[in-house]
């Protein structure tokens, strides 16, 4: 399970009305938080799956 994520290249283009910086910050935060939630859920599912697999392996060796 990866613990680190490195983004080597990220290009974002927005065309918005008003304060571009504020709009970008709001949208970026909204979407990065959603991505982080999904990533954490996937990591938890993977950890649970690995744990279940180990339990099954221990039962096979009895």
N, C-alpha and C. Protein backbone atom coordinates (compact mmCIF):
# COMPACT_ATOMS: atom_id res chain seq x y z
N UNK A 1 0.85 -1.17 0.00
CA UNK A 1 0.00 0.00 0.00
C UNK A 1 0.90 1.24 0.00
N UNK A 2 0.78 2.08 -1.02
CA UNK A 2 1.65 3.27 -1.08
C UNK A 2 1.33 4.25 0.04
N UNK A 3 2.38 4.78 0.62
CA UNK A 3 2.20 5.75 1.69
C UNK A 3 2.53 7.16 1.22
N UNK A 4 3.22 7.27 0.11
CA UNK A 4 3.60 8.58 -0.42
C UNK A 4 3.14 8.70 -1.86
N UNK A 5 2.79 9.88 -2.23
CA UNK A 5 2.41 10.16 -3.60
C UNK A 5 3.23 11.35 -4.05
N UNK A 6 3.90 11.20 -5.16
CA UNK A 6 4.70 12.29 -5.71
C UNK A 6 4.11 12.67 -7.06
N UNK A 7 3.74 13.92 -7.19
CA UNK A 7 3.25 14.43 -8.47
C UNK A 7 4.41 15.15 -9.12
N UNK A 8 4.85 14.63 -10.24
CA UNK A 8 6.00 15.21 -10.92
C UNK A 8 5.60 16.39 -11.81
N UNK A 9 4.41 16.32 -12.34
CA UNK A 9 4.00 17.35 -13.28
C UNK A 9 2.49 17.57 -13.14
N UNK A 10 2.08 18.77 -12.84
CA UNK A 10 0.67 19.08 -12.70
C UNK A 10 0.40 20.38 -13.42
N UNK A 11 -0.48 20.32 -14.40
CA UNK A 11 -0.83 21.53 -15.13
C UNK A 11 -2.33 21.72 -15.00
N UNK A 12 -2.72 22.90 -14.56
CA UNK A 12 -4.13 23.21 -14.37
C UNK A 12 -4.43 24.50 -15.11
N UNK A 13 -5.49 24.49 -15.91
CA UNK A 13 -5.90 25.70 -16.62
C UNK A 13 -7.36 25.98 -16.29
N UNK A 14 -7.61 27.17 -15.82
CA UNK A 14 -8.97 27.58 -15.48
C UNK A 14 -9.27 28.90 -16.18
N UNK A 15 -10.48 29.01 -16.63
CA UNK A 15 -10.92 30.28 -17.17
C UNK A 15 -12.18 30.65 -16.40
N UNK A 16 -12.05 31.63 -15.52
CA UNK A 16 -13.15 31.98 -14.62
C UNK A 16 -13.32 33.49 -14.58
N UNK A 17 -14.51 33.89 -14.15
CA UNK A 17 -14.78 35.31 -13.94
C UNK A 17 -14.47 35.65 -12.49
N UNK A 18 -14.05 36.87 -12.25
CA UNK A 18 -13.79 37.30 -10.88
C UNK A 18 -12.35 37.07 -10.48
N UNK A 19 -12.16 36.85 -9.20
CA UNK A 19 -10.82 36.66 -8.63
C UNK A 19 -10.32 35.25 -8.92
N UNK A 20 -9.49 35.13 -9.95
CA UNK A 20 -9.00 33.82 -10.40
C UNK A 20 -8.33 33.04 -9.28
N UNK A 21 -7.52 33.70 -8.49
CA UNK A 21 -6.80 33.02 -7.41
C UNK A 21 -7.75 32.42 -6.39
N UNK A 22 -8.76 33.16 -6.00
CA UNK A 22 -9.71 32.68 -5.00
C UNK A 22 -10.53 31.52 -5.55
N UNK A 23 -10.95 31.64 -6.81
CA UNK A 23 -11.73 30.57 -7.43
C UNK A 23 -10.88 29.31 -7.55
N UNK A 24 -9.64 29.48 -8.01
CA UNK A 24 -8.75 28.31 -8.13
C UNK A 24 -8.56 27.65 -6.78
N UNK A 25 -8.29 28.45 -5.75
CA UNK A 25 -8.05 27.90 -4.42
C UNK A 25 -9.27 27.13 -3.93
N UNK A 26 -10.46 27.70 -4.10
CA UNK A 26 -11.68 27.03 -3.66
C UNK A 26 -11.89 25.72 -4.40
N UNK A 27 -11.76 25.75 -5.73
CA UNK A 27 -11.96 24.52 -6.52
C UNK A 27 -10.88 23.48 -6.21
N UNK A 28 -9.64 23.92 -6.11
CA UNK A 28 -8.55 22.99 -5.82
C UNK A 28 -8.79 22.32 -4.47
N UNK A 29 -9.09 23.10 -3.45
CA UNK A 29 -9.33 22.54 -2.11
C UNK A 29 -10.50 21.56 -2.12
N UNK A 30 -11.57 21.93 -2.81
CA UNK A 30 -12.74 21.05 -2.89
C UNK A 30 -12.37 19.71 -3.50
N UNK A 31 -11.66 19.75 -4.62
CA UNK A 31 -11.36 18.52 -5.34
C UNK A 31 -10.22 17.73 -4.70
N UNK A 32 -9.24 18.40 -4.14
CA UNK A 32 -8.15 17.66 -3.49
C UNK A 32 -8.67 16.98 -2.23
N UNK A 33 -9.60 17.61 -1.53
CA UNK A 33 -10.18 16.98 -0.34
C UNK A 33 -11.01 15.77 -0.72
N UNK A 34 -11.77 15.87 -1.81
CA UNK A 34 -12.55 14.73 -2.29
C UNK A 34 -11.62 13.59 -2.70
N UNK A 35 -10.55 13.93 -3.41
CA UNK A 35 -9.58 12.91 -3.83
C UNK A 35 -8.94 12.25 -2.60
N UNK A 36 -8.57 13.06 -1.62
CA UNK A 36 -7.93 12.53 -0.42
C UNK A 36 -8.86 11.58 0.33
N UNK A 37 -10.15 11.94 0.41
CA UNK A 37 -11.12 11.06 1.07
C UNK A 37 -11.20 9.72 0.34
N UNK A 38 -11.31 9.77 -0.99
CA UNK A 38 -11.38 8.53 -1.77
C UNK A 38 -10.11 7.71 -1.62
N UNK A 39 -8.97 8.37 -1.62
CA UNK A 39 -7.69 7.67 -1.47
C UNK A 39 -7.60 6.99 -0.11
N UNK A 40 -8.01 7.70 0.95
CA UNK A 40 -7.99 7.12 2.30
C UNK A 40 -8.94 5.93 2.40
N UNK A 41 -10.11 6.03 1.76
CA UNK A 41 -11.06 4.92 1.77
C UNK A 41 -10.47 3.71 1.05
N UNK A 42 -9.82 3.94 -0.08
CA UNK A 42 -9.20 2.85 -0.83
C UNK A 42 -8.08 2.20 -0.02
N UNK A 43 -7.27 3.01 0.66
CA UNK A 43 -6.20 2.47 1.51
C UNK A 43 -6.79 1.63 2.64
N UNK A 44 -7.89 2.09 3.23
CA UNK A 44 -8.53 1.34 4.31
C UNK A 44 -9.09 0.02 3.78
N UNK A 45 -9.70 0.05 2.59
CA UNK A 45 -10.22 -1.18 1.99
C UNK A 45 -9.08 -2.17 1.72
N UNK A 46 -7.97 -1.65 1.21
CA UNK A 46 -6.81 -2.50 0.92
C UNK A 46 -6.25 -3.11 2.20
N UNK A 47 -6.16 -2.30 3.25
CA UNK A 47 -5.65 -2.79 4.53
C UNK A 47 -6.56 -3.88 5.08
N UNK A 48 -7.87 -3.66 5.00
CA UNK A 48 -8.84 -4.65 5.47
C UNK A 48 -8.73 -5.93 4.65
N UNK A 49 -8.61 -5.79 3.35
CA UNK A 49 -8.47 -6.94 2.46
C UNK A 49 -7.20 -7.73 2.78
N UNK A 50 -6.09 -7.02 2.98
CA UNK A 50 -4.83 -7.68 3.34
C UNK A 50 -4.96 -8.43 4.66
N UNK A 51 -5.64 -7.81 5.62
CA UNK A 51 -5.85 -8.41 6.92
C UNK A 51 -6.68 -9.69 6.80
N UNK A 52 -7.75 -9.63 6.00
CA UNK A 52 -8.60 -10.80 5.78
C UNK A 52 -7.80 -11.92 5.12
N UNK A 53 -6.96 -11.56 4.17
CA UNK A 53 -6.14 -12.54 3.45
C UNK A 53 -5.18 -13.24 4.42
N UNK A 54 -4.58 -12.46 5.32
CA UNK A 54 -3.65 -13.04 6.30
C UNK A 54 -4.38 -14.01 7.23
N UNK A 55 -5.59 -13.66 7.64
CA UNK A 55 -6.37 -14.55 8.49
C UNK A 55 -6.65 -15.86 7.77
N UNK A 56 -7.01 -15.77 6.50
CA UNK A 56 -7.25 -16.97 5.70
C UNK A 56 -6.01 -17.81 5.57
N UNK A 57 -4.86 -17.19 5.39
CA UNK A 57 -3.59 -17.92 5.28
C UNK A 57 -3.27 -18.65 6.58
N UNK A 58 -3.55 -18.01 7.71
CA UNK A 58 -3.26 -18.64 9.00
C UNK A 58 -4.14 -19.87 9.20
N UNK A 59 -5.39 -19.82 8.75
CA UNK A 59 -6.29 -20.97 8.89
C UNK A 59 -5.83 -22.12 8.01
N UNK A 60 -5.26 -21.83 6.85
CA UNK A 60 -4.80 -22.88 5.94
C UNK A 60 -3.61 -23.64 6.51
N UNK A 61 -2.83 -23.02 7.38
CA UNK A 61 -1.62 -23.64 7.92
C UNK A 61 -1.87 -24.41 9.21
N UNK A 62 -3.09 -24.50 9.63
CA UNK A 62 -3.39 -25.22 10.88
C UNK A 62 -3.52 -26.70 10.64
